Protein backbone atom coordinates (compact mmCIF):
# COMPACT_ATOMS: atom_id res chain seq x y z
CA MET A 1 -2.89 -20.50 3.12
CA ASP A 2 -2.26 -24.32 4.28
CA THR A 3 0.02 -22.85 6.74
CA LEU A 4 -2.71 -20.13 8.70
CA THR A 5 -5.14 -23.17 8.55
CA LYS A 6 -3.16 -25.63 10.07
CA ARG A 7 -2.04 -23.16 13.01
CA TYR A 8 -5.16 -21.34 13.48
CA GLY A 9 -7.84 -23.79 12.28
CA PRO A 10 -10.84 -24.34 14.69
CA ARG A 11 -11.35 -26.60 17.68
CA LEU A 12 -14.75 -28.48 16.80
CA LYS A 13 -17.00 -27.74 19.63
CA THR A 14 -20.78 -29.18 18.95
CA SER A 15 -22.93 -29.25 22.27
CA ASN A 16 -24.23 -32.76 24.05
CA ALA A 17 -27.89 -31.91 22.86
CA ALA A 18 -27.83 -34.86 20.19
CA THR A 19 -26.91 -37.70 22.61
CA ASN A 20 -29.32 -40.13 21.08
CA THR A 21 -28.06 -39.67 17.68
CA SER A 22 -27.22 -42.80 16.09
CA ASN A 23 -23.42 -43.32 15.39
CA ASN A 24 -24.06 -44.97 12.37
CA PHE A 25 -23.92 -42.25 10.10
CA ASN A 26 -22.32 -43.78 6.83
CA SER A 27 -25.15 -46.28 6.70
CA MET A 28 -27.37 -43.38 6.74
CA SER A 29 -29.42 -41.85 3.27
CA SER A 30 -29.78 -38.98 2.45
CA ALA A 31 -33.53 -38.87 3.31
CA VAL A 32 -32.34 -39.86 6.57
CA LEU A 33 -30.17 -36.76 6.69
CA THR A 34 -33.31 -34.37 5.20
CA ASP A 35 -35.36 -35.68 8.27
CA MET A 36 -32.98 -34.26 10.74
CA ARG A 37 -34.42 -31.69 12.41
CA THR A 38 -31.54 -30.40 14.76
CA THR A 39 -29.06 -28.41 14.40
CA ASP A 40 -27.03 -30.14 16.63
CA GLN A 41 -27.89 -33.58 15.21
CA LEU A 42 -26.77 -32.27 11.89
CA ILE A 43 -23.33 -30.97 12.87
CA ARG A 44 -22.65 -34.43 14.18
CA ALA A 45 -23.70 -36.29 11.03
CA ILE A 46 -20.78 -33.71 9.04
CA VAL A 47 -18.53 -35.08 11.17
CA LYS A 48 -19.75 -38.51 10.72
CA THR A 49 -20.37 -38.95 6.98
CA GLN A 50 -16.97 -38.06 6.70
CA SER A 51 -16.33 -37.59 2.42
CA ARG A 52 -19.53 -39.05 1.49
CA GLU A 53 -19.90 -35.44 -1.06
CA LYS A 54 -23.91 -36.08 -1.55
CA ASP A 55 -24.65 -36.17 1.79
CA LEU A 56 -22.16 -32.88 3.02
CA LYS A 57 -24.43 -30.87 -0.02
CA SER A 58 -27.75 -32.32 1.55
CA ILE A 59 -26.65 -31.58 5.25
CA GLU A 60 -25.61 -27.85 3.77
CA TYR A 61 -28.77 -27.58 2.01
CA GLN A 62 -30.58 -28.14 5.47
CA LEU A 63 -28.10 -25.64 7.88
CA ILE A 64 -29.05 -23.21 4.75
CA LYS A 65 -32.66 -23.32 5.56
CA GLN A 66 -31.96 -22.96 9.14
CA ARG A 67 -29.52 -20.20 8.89
CA TYR A 68 -32.05 -17.47 10.58
CA LYS A 69 -32.28 -19.46 13.82
CA MET A 70 -28.63 -20.03 14.63
CA SER A 71 -26.75 -18.25 16.22
CA LEU A 72 -23.49 -16.77 15.58
CA PRO A 73 -21.40 -19.26 17.41
CA VAL A 74 -23.94 -22.62 16.63
CA ALA A 75 -23.36 -21.58 12.68
CA LEU A 76 -19.43 -21.11 13.01
CA ASP A 77 -19.88 -24.53 14.61
CA ALA A 78 -21.37 -26.03 11.52
CA CYS A 79 -18.38 -24.26 9.84
CA HIS A 80 -15.79 -26.26 12.22
CA ALA A 81 -17.50 -29.65 11.28
CA PHE A 82 -17.11 -29.09 7.68
CA TYR A 83 -13.72 -27.59 7.82
CA LYS A 84 -13.18 -30.90 10.40
CA VAL A 85 -14.01 -32.97 7.25
CA GLN A 86 -12.09 -30.57 4.17
CA HIS A 87 -15.80 -29.46 2.75
CA ALA A 88 -15.55 -26.31 1.39
CA MET A 89 -19.12 -24.86 1.77
CA PRO A 90 -19.57 -23.46 -1.49
CA SER A 91 -23.22 -22.63 -0.75
CA TYR A 92 -23.25 -22.73 2.98
CA LEU A 93 -20.65 -20.12 3.56
CA PRO A 94 -22.30 -17.41 1.38
CA ALA A 95 -25.66 -18.12 2.97
CA LEU A 96 -24.06 -17.79 5.61
CA PHE A 97 -22.04 -14.42 5.28
CA SER A 98 -24.77 -13.31 3.83
CA VAL A 99 -27.16 -13.35 7.29
CA ILE A 100 -24.85 -12.47 9.75
CA GLU A 101 -24.70 -9.27 7.28
CA GLU A 102 -28.18 -8.96 8.18
CA THR A 103 -28.11 -9.14 11.48
CA PHE A 104 -25.18 -8.21 12.97
CA GLN A 105 -25.85 -5.23 14.44
CA SER A 106 -28.04 -7.23 16.88
CA MET A 107 -25.85 -10.01 17.43
CA GLN A 108 -23.63 -8.94 19.81
CA PRO A 109 -20.65 -11.07 18.42
CA SER A 110 -17.55 -11.99 20.51
CA PRO A 111 -13.89 -11.41 19.30
CA GLU A 112 -13.68 -15.27 19.07
CA ASP A 113 -16.65 -15.15 16.83
CA ILE A 114 -15.04 -12.82 14.48
CA THR A 115 -11.67 -14.36 14.26
CA PHE A 116 -13.53 -17.32 13.10
CA LEU A 117 -15.47 -15.61 10.84
CA PHE A 118 -12.72 -14.22 8.99
CA LEU A 119 -10.81 -17.34 9.01
CA TYR A 120 -13.80 -18.68 7.10
CA VAL A 121 -14.00 -15.40 4.59
CA PHE A 122 -10.01 -15.78 4.55
CA LEU A 123 -10.68 -20.04 3.02
CA HIS A 124 -14.06 -18.87 0.67
CA GLY A 125 -12.24 -15.90 -0.46
CA SER A 126 -14.96 -13.22 -0.35
CA ALA A 127 -17.53 -11.44 1.49
CA PRO A 128 -20.40 -8.97 1.35
CA GLU A 129 -18.73 -5.53 1.07
CA MET A 130 -21.27 -4.60 4.34
CA LEU A 131 -19.78 -6.92 6.42
CA PHE A 132 -16.35 -5.60 5.93
CA HIS A 133 -17.36 -1.99 7.18
CA MET A 134 -19.52 -3.03 9.72
CA VAL A 135 -16.22 -5.59 11.51
CA GLU A 136 -14.15 -2.47 10.55
CA GLU A 137 -16.61 0.01 13.59
CA TYR A 138 -16.56 -3.77 15.93
CA LEU A 139 -12.72 -3.72 15.76
CA LEU A 140 -11.98 -0.31 16.69
CA LYS A 141 -14.67 -0.17 19.50
CA HIS A 142 -13.46 -3.34 20.42
CA LEU A 143 -9.71 -4.32 19.25
CA HIS A 144 -8.67 -4.26 23.02
CA HIS A 145 -9.87 -7.42 23.13
CA PHE A 146 -7.75 -9.10 20.58
CA HIS A 147 -5.11 -10.79 20.73
CA ILE A 148 -2.72 -9.47 18.30
CA ASN A 149 -2.44 -12.80 15.91
CA ASP A 150 -6.23 -12.89 16.07
CA LEU A 151 -5.64 -9.59 14.16
CA GLY A 152 -3.19 -11.48 11.79
CA VAL A 153 -6.07 -13.87 11.25
CA ILE A 154 -8.33 -11.80 10.60
CA SER A 155 -5.82 -9.27 8.03
CA ALA A 156 -5.67 -12.35 6.50
CA GLY A 157 -9.46 -12.61 5.68
CA PHE A 158 -9.32 -8.89 4.44
CA PHE A 159 -6.69 -9.43 1.79
CA ARG A 160 -7.39 -12.60 0.62
CA ALA A 161 -11.00 -11.27 -0.39
CA ASN A 162 -9.29 -8.31 -1.55
CA HIS A 163 -11.36 -5.54 0.39
CA ARG A 164 -8.60 -2.72 1.86
CA ILE A 165 -9.56 -1.56 5.04
CA MET A 166 -10.78 1.91 4.77
CA SER A 167 -10.48 2.80 8.60
CA GLN A 168 -7.43 5.50 8.79
CA ASP A 169 -8.62 5.53 12.79
CA LEU A 170 -8.24 1.25 12.92
CA LEU A 171 -4.96 1.01 10.90
CA GLU A 172 -3.51 3.37 13.03
CA VAL A 173 -4.48 1.81 16.53
CA MET A 174 -3.57 -1.43 14.61
CA ALA A 175 -0.42 -0.57 14.10
CA HIS A 176 0.29 0.53 17.33
CA LYS A 177 -0.68 -2.57 19.13
CA LEU A 178 1.57 -4.68 16.27
CA LEU A 179 4.15 -2.65 17.31
CA MET A 180 3.12 -2.83 21.36
CA ASP A 181 2.64 -6.47 21.20
CA PHE A 182 5.12 -7.54 18.68
CA SER A 183 6.91 -10.14 20.88
CA PHE A 184 3.85 -12.13 20.80
CA VAL A 185 3.49 -11.19 16.93
CA ASP A 186 3.58 -15.05 15.00
CA PRO A 187 6.11 -14.51 11.98
CA TYR A 188 3.52 -15.66 9.74
CA LEU A 189 0.96 -13.78 10.55
CA LEU A 190 3.64 -10.96 10.52
CA MET A 191 3.14 -10.94 6.75
CA THR A 192 -0.78 -10.68 6.46
CA PHE A 193 -0.25 -7.16 8.51
CA MET A 194 2.43 -5.98 6.03
CA LYS A 195 -0.53 -7.40 2.65
CA VAL A 196 -2.83 -4.87 4.80
CA TYR A 197 -1.08 -2.10 5.31
CA ARG A 198 0.13 -2.23 1.83
CA HIS A 199 -3.05 -3.16 0.19
CA ALA A 200 -4.79 0.06 2.49
CA SER A 201 -1.83 2.24 1.01
CA TYR A 202 -0.69 3.45 4.78
CA VAL A 203 2.00 5.85 5.02
CA ARG A 204 3.12 6.67 8.03
CA ILE A 205 7.19 6.49 8.35
CA SER A 206 7.68 6.35 12.15
CA PHE A 207 5.82 2.74 11.81
CA TYR A 208 7.82 1.44 9.58
CA ASN A 209 10.77 2.42 11.05
CA LYS A 210 9.85 1.26 14.30
CA LEU A 211 8.67 -2.08 12.73
CA ALA A 212 12.30 -2.37 11.29
CA ASP A 213 13.86 -2.21 14.29
CA SER A 214 11.57 -4.93 15.69
CA LEU A 215 12.68 -6.87 12.83
CA MET A 216 16.42 -6.48 13.28
CA LYS A 217 16.62 -7.73 16.88
CA ASP A 218 17.35 -10.49 18.04
CA ASN A 219 18.20 -12.14 14.30
CA TYR A 220 14.29 -11.68 14.22
CA LEU A 221 14.58 -12.70 10.22
CA THR A 222 16.19 -16.20 11.07
CA HIS A 223 12.27 -17.33 11.63
CA TYR A 224 11.54 -17.13 8.15
CA ASN A 225 12.86 -20.18 6.59
CA SER A 226 11.25 -19.57 3.00
CA THR A 227 12.32 -15.85 0.22
CA ASN A 228 8.19 -15.59 0.44
CA SER A 229 8.45 -14.14 3.71
CA LEU A 230 11.21 -12.13 3.03
CA MET A 231 9.91 -10.52 0.04
CA HIS A 232 6.75 -9.44 1.61
CA ILE A 233 8.45 -7.43 3.70
CA ALA A 234 9.96 -5.93 0.76
CA PHE A 235 7.63 -5.18 -1.29
CA THR A 236 5.79 -3.82 1.08
CA TYR A 237 8.25 -1.11 2.39
CA ALA A 238 9.19 -0.79 -1.88
CA SER A 239 5.51 0.02 -2.18
CA ILE A 240 5.14 2.48 0.28
CA PRO A 241 7.83 3.66 -0.68
CA ILE A 242 10.12 3.54 2.57
CA VAL A 243 13.61 3.34 2.46
CA HIS A 244 15.85 1.33 5.48
CA LYS A 245 19.14 0.28 4.42
CA GLU A 246 19.91 -1.90 7.55
CA LEU A 247 16.67 -3.67 7.37
CA PHE A 248 17.39 -4.28 3.29
CA GLU A 249 20.63 -5.40 4.17
CA GLN A 250 19.39 -7.93 6.33
CA LEU A 251 16.50 -8.97 4.34
CA LEU A 252 19.55 -9.26 1.52
CA CYS A 253 21.34 -11.71 3.49
CA ARG A 254 18.70 -13.87 5.07
CA PHE A 255 17.97 -14.25 0.99
CA GLU A 256 21.10 -15.11 0.00
CA ALA A 257 22.01 -17.59 2.64
CA LEU A 258 18.24 -19.22 1.88
CA LEU A 259 18.75 -19.42 -1.88
CA ASN A 260 22.46 -21.15 -1.09
CA GLN A 261 20.52 -23.31 1.17
CA LYS A 262 17.71 -24.47 -1.31
CA PRO A 263 18.75 -23.10 -4.79
CA ASN A 264 15.47 -23.19 -6.04
CA THR A 265 13.27 -20.87 -4.92
CA ARG A 266 10.03 -19.26 -6.36
CA THR A 267 10.11 -17.46 -9.21
CA LYS A 268 7.87 -14.68 -8.11
CA ASP A 269 9.47 -14.18 -5.09
CA LEU A 270 12.80 -13.67 -6.41
CA SER A 271 11.51 -11.17 -8.86
CA LYS A 272 9.28 -9.22 -6.86
CA PHE A 273 12.56 -8.64 -3.68
CA VAL A 274 14.76 -7.51 -6.44
CA TRP A 275 11.99 -5.57 -7.88
CA ALA A 276 11.90 -3.95 -4.32
CA CYS A 277 15.27 -3.45 -4.01
CA GLY A 278 15.78 -1.66 -7.19
CA THR A 279 12.75 0.33 -6.66
CA LEU A 280 14.08 1.79 -3.10
CA GLN A 281 17.72 1.85 -4.99
CA PHE A 282 19.31 0.10 -2.44
CA LYS A 283 23.45 -0.26 -3.33
CA PRO A 284 25.06 -2.16 -0.50
CA HIS A 285 28.56 -3.29 -1.03
CA ASP A 286 29.44 -5.18 -4.03
CA TYR A 287 25.44 -4.95 -4.78
CA GLN A 288 26.17 -5.45 -8.75
CA GLN A 289 27.61 -9.05 -8.29
CA ARG A 290 25.02 -9.68 -5.78
CA PHE A 291 22.21 -9.12 -7.19
CA ARG A 292 23.92 -10.73 -10.49
CA ARG A 293 24.08 -13.94 -8.47
CA LEU A 294 20.42 -13.60 -7.68
CA ALA A 295 19.41 -13.16 -10.95
CA ASN A 296 21.43 -16.31 -11.94
CA HIS A 297 18.78 -18.32 -9.86
CA PHE A 298 16.13 -17.34 -12.33
CA GLU A 299 15.02 -20.06 -14.02
CA LEU A 300 14.05 -19.42 -17.71
CA SER A 301 11.88 -22.29 -18.53
CA SER A 302 9.78 -20.47 -16.07
CA VAL A 303 9.27 -17.47 -18.35
CA GLU A 304 6.57 -19.54 -20.62
CA GLN A 305 4.33 -19.47 -17.49
CA PHE A 306 5.11 -16.41 -15.44
CA PRO A 307 6.49 -13.98 -18.02
CA GLU A 308 5.50 -10.94 -15.68
CA SER A 309 8.14 -11.93 -13.32
CA LEU A 310 10.72 -11.88 -15.73
CA ALA A 311 9.65 -8.02 -16.69
CA GLU A 312 9.87 -7.60 -13.00
CA LEU A 313 13.51 -9.02 -12.24
CA LEU A 314 14.48 -6.99 -14.58
CA PHE A 315 12.80 -3.77 -13.78
CA GLY A 316 14.51 -4.29 -10.57
CA LEU A 317 17.78 -5.18 -12.23
CA ILE A 318 18.06 -1.93 -14.52
CA TYR A 319 17.11 0.14 -11.67
CA LEU A 320 20.61 -1.41 -10.52
CA GLU A 321 22.11 -0.29 -13.17
CA ILE A 322 22.49 -4.07 -14.20
CA PHE A 323 21.88 -4.53 -18.01
CA PRO A 324 22.02 -8.69 -18.51
CA GLU A 325 21.75 -8.58 -22.10
CA ASP A 326 20.62 -12.25 -22.25
CA LEU A 327 17.43 -11.92 -20.04
CA LEU A 328 16.54 -8.50 -21.85
CA SER A 329 16.68 -10.09 -25.04
CA ARG A 330 13.98 -13.16 -24.38
CA CYS A 331 12.05 -10.13 -22.68
CA LEU A 332 11.73 -8.19 -25.29
CA SER A 333 11.26 -11.03 -27.64
CA GLN A 334 8.05 -11.11 -29.54
CA ASP A 335 6.07 -14.29 -27.98
CA VAL A 336 6.70 -12.73 -24.26
CA ILE A 337 6.10 -9.26 -25.44
CA ASN A 338 2.83 -10.79 -26.35
CA ARG A 339 1.90 -12.78 -23.76
CA LEU A 340 2.79 -8.94 -21.43
CA ALA A 341 0.39 -7.04 -23.81
CA ASP A 342 -2.50 -9.48 -23.30
CA SER A 343 -1.83 -9.26 -19.21
CA ALA A 344 -1.58 -4.66 -20.17
CA ALA A 345 -5.04 -4.16 -18.71
CA ASP A 346 -3.36 -2.72 -15.56
CA LYS A 347 -1.04 -0.17 -16.93
CA GLU A 348 2.04 -1.59 -15.23
CA LYS A 349 3.27 -4.19 -17.68
CA SER A 350 2.84 -1.67 -20.23
CA PHE A 351 5.30 0.30 -18.47
CA GLN A 352 7.84 -2.16 -17.99
CA LEU A 353 7.73 -3.02 -21.40
CA LEU A 354 8.42 0.69 -22.62
CA ILE A 355 11.27 1.38 -19.29
CA LEU A 356 13.03 -2.25 -21.18
CA ASN A 357 12.65 -0.95 -24.01
CA GLU A 358 13.76 2.05 -23.98
CA THR A 359 16.77 1.72 -21.25
CA MET A 360 17.92 -0.84 -23.92
CA LYS A 361 18.15 2.01 -26.54
CA ILE A 362 19.68 4.71 -24.03
CA GLU A 363 21.94 2.29 -21.73
CA CYS A 364 23.36 -0.71 -24.31
CA PRO A 365 24.03 0.90 -27.64
CA LEU A 366 25.42 -2.08 -28.49
CA TYR A 367 22.53 -4.47 -27.94
CA SER A 368 21.60 -5.99 -31.00
CA GLY A 369 18.30 -8.70 -29.40
CA PRO A 370 15.10 -7.95 -30.34
CA THR A 371 13.44 -4.90 -29.74
CA LEU A 372 9.48 -3.58 -29.52
CA LEU A 373 7.87 -3.36 -32.59
CA GLN A 374 7.39 0.43 -33.69
CA SER A 375 3.35 -0.90 -33.72
CA GLN A 376 3.66 -2.17 -30.48
CA ARG A 377 5.52 0.55 -29.19
CA GLN A 378 2.84 3.02 -30.00
CA VAL A 379 -0.48 0.72 -28.59
CA LEU A 380 1.29 0.47 -25.10
CA LEU A 381 2.24 4.13 -25.35
CA GLU A 382 -1.59 5.03 -25.79
CA HIS A 383 -2.59 2.39 -23.26
CA LEU A 384 -0.67 4.37 -21.00
CA ALA A 385 -0.99 7.75 -21.84
CA LEU A 386 -4.69 7.30 -20.05
CA SER A 387 -2.80 7.95 -17.26
CA LYS A 388 -1.05 11.31 -18.14
CA ASP A 389 -3.16 13.82 -19.55
CA MET A 390 -1.99 16.47 -21.32
CA GLU A 391 -4.69 18.99 -20.52
CA VAL A 392 -4.32 18.50 -17.30
CA GLU A 393 -0.54 18.74 -17.20
CA LEU A 394 -1.17 22.25 -18.83
CA GLN A 395 -3.61 23.48 -16.30
CA ILE A 396 -1.21 22.43 -13.44
CA ARG A 397 1.51 23.65 -14.49
CA ILE A 398 1.01 26.90 -15.57
CA GLY A 399 4.84 28.09 -16.00
CA LEU A 400 4.93 25.03 -18.61
CA ALA A 401 1.61 26.76 -20.45
CA ALA A 402 2.96 29.96 -20.69
CA VAL A 403 6.45 29.28 -22.04
CA LEU A 404 4.61 26.95 -24.56
CA THR A 405 2.14 29.44 -25.48
CA SER A 406 5.32 32.05 -26.16
CA LEU A 407 7.62 29.55 -27.79
CA GLN A 408 4.61 28.60 -30.33
CA ILE A 409 4.08 32.19 -31.20
CA SER A 410 7.41 33.35 -31.12
CA LEU A 411 8.83 30.20 -33.01
CA GLY A 412 5.46 28.26 -35.18
CA THR A 413 3.50 25.61 -33.31
CA GLU A 414 5.16 23.22 -36.02
CA ARG A 415 8.43 24.22 -34.25
CA VAL A 416 7.29 23.19 -30.67
CA ARG A 417 6.16 19.99 -28.94
CA CYS A 418 4.58 19.69 -25.91
CA HIS A 419 4.97 15.77 -24.40
CA PHE A 420 5.55 12.94 -22.15
CA PRO A 421 8.93 11.89 -23.52
CA LEU A 422 9.44 8.69 -21.85
CA PRO A 423 7.49 6.12 -19.99
CA HIS A 424 9.28 6.79 -16.69
CA PHE A 425 8.28 10.48 -16.88
CA ARG A 426 5.34 11.77 -14.98
CA THR A 427 5.62 15.33 -16.09
CA ALA A 428 5.66 17.35 -19.65
CA VAL A 429 8.63 18.50 -21.35
CA ILE A 430 8.52 20.93 -24.53
CA GLU A 431 10.86 19.64 -26.93
CA LEU A 432 12.69 21.60 -29.89
CA GLU A 433 14.64 20.68 -32.90
CA TYR A 434 17.80 23.47 -33.70
CA CYS A 435 19.83 23.79 -37.08
CA MET A 436 23.19 25.47 -37.33
CA THR A 437 22.12 26.48 -40.63
CA ASP A 438 18.42 26.76 -40.53
CA GLY A 439 17.40 27.87 -36.79
CA PHE A 440 14.64 26.08 -35.35
CA VAL A 441 13.10 23.71 -37.46
CA GLN A 442 9.88 21.72 -37.07
CA VAL A 443 9.59 18.97 -34.82
CA ASP A 444 8.11 15.61 -35.80
CA GLN A 445 4.90 15.53 -32.98
CA LYS A 446 4.62 11.63 -33.26
CA GLN A 447 8.00 10.20 -33.27
CA PRO A 448 9.97 9.21 -30.12
CA LEU A 449 12.47 11.30 -28.34
CA LEU A 450 15.16 8.71 -29.38
CA HIS A 451 13.60 8.54 -33.34
CA GLN A 452 16.34 9.70 -35.90
CA SER A 453 15.05 12.56 -37.86
CA SER A 454 14.96 11.92 -41.11
CA SER A 455 16.04 15.16 -42.12
CA LYS A 456 19.09 15.23 -44.54
CA GLN A 457 20.56 17.47 -41.43
CA THR A 458 20.35 14.95 -38.79
CA SER A 459 23.46 15.17 -37.82
CA VAL A 460 23.87 18.93 -37.18
CA ILE A 461 20.15 19.03 -35.13
CA PRO A 462 20.92 19.20 -31.66
CA ARG A 463 17.47 18.45 -29.45
CA ILE A 464 16.72 21.30 -26.91
CA ILE A 465 14.58 19.89 -23.86
CA ILE A 466 12.60 22.08 -21.76
CA ASP A 467 11.69 20.36 -18.77
CA ASP A 468 12.87 22.73 -15.20
CA LEU A 469 9.70 24.99 -15.48
CA TYR A 470 8.69 24.81 -12.30
CA THR A 471 9.46 28.78 -12.02
CA ALA A 472 9.06 29.97 -15.22
CA THR A 473 6.82 33.62 -14.98
CA LYS A 474 5.38 35.17 -16.97
CA ASP A 475 8.21 38.16 -17.36
CA LYS A 476 9.98 35.00 -18.09
CA CYS A 477 8.26 33.75 -21.31
CA GLU A 478 7.84 37.68 -22.42
CA SER A 479 11.53 38.40 -22.29
CA VAL A 480 11.19 34.75 -24.42
CA HIS A 481 8.81 36.73 -26.85
CA LYS A 482 10.56 40.05 -27.23
CA GLU A 483 13.91 38.11 -27.66
CA LYS A 484 12.67 36.49 -30.27
CA GLU A 485 11.66 39.40 -31.56
């Protein structure tokens, strides 16, 4: 935020209409400020009152009363003045945004007005929903009048206010302009474009490939002296997801170089970068050693404050076949589990915890550290199951439903189980248990796939998982039934 405002902060442009206004504003009382009638006088008063918060709030109130009389450039001049004295405008900005929303169609704003308007949306953090839609329409009509860096400032406003650009046409023309004007893009503002495209789930492989080509030219990544920018590039490509090995090789090399210069990096940047590389299965030469070295920079002391970063780091590492048991043990400790579970309103944290827990069972059979309690596991599974509806699954996968019905008729409902066996499974499977002496036996309908059966014949009961059923047909299902008979 500081970088954006330092580079693109407004230049104050008040008019000369208030030349007779006294310069001794520091001695003015609130009553005198209240008596001021012209907007120009009030704007000049902002600059002169400096840090007198009480007077600044009084001027805010006066300007709010005049908001319908001001043109957009004058209203933004008032913002510039407040900005210059570092006043946050907690009342003025919401009032201004509401007026602009109401009168936008008749305002005829200039590209500069829109750019500065969204700088203040960025600083404030929110604006009326309809204002974003109006600006999207405006940009689509007038995009050729904007410098590419102005669009970067506007993109920062959209992202900070957590508003997705809804117009695919606008995203397309912005993407084209970004590629055409890439040599003029401020490297810092390039990150705002990455955030906006990620947030909008914009997927055009040719765009990302061409952007990657530009990022790899002329040692472009050396413009970035912080791991944060590199993380955002990697995170965007992984979120889409788009695999570009050459770009990720350069990103990893630059990331390693920056860590060598400044060993202490932001925990979030390290975790998300490794997550991005892991989820894309990026495995360059000596990748295990290289990513282990990155993981060594993770500060365990930060887990108390950022437990989700540890989970993201490990999530990336396990996809790279790296299982640091000391970090896994810390992540699966009860205090971290409780904190992650509390923050798991979005299903991502539930998903990551379950993946880490199941991975330990499969990949690290000698692991003896803490794991999820069965009660915790069940709660997280139920929470995650909200996105996995078995009824919908059976409606979509007709072959699965047909085979399930046939097996239930042939073997009995209690001997057939259809479920999502592991957290990372996005399709259901059919599970059977077979005993060499008793044939097919009853399947526990609640226990996880890796749970050891309590049956006396556990050692001779193989589990049969049927999951390749997309091509199953009614004839095949009938043949299963006839063979059983």
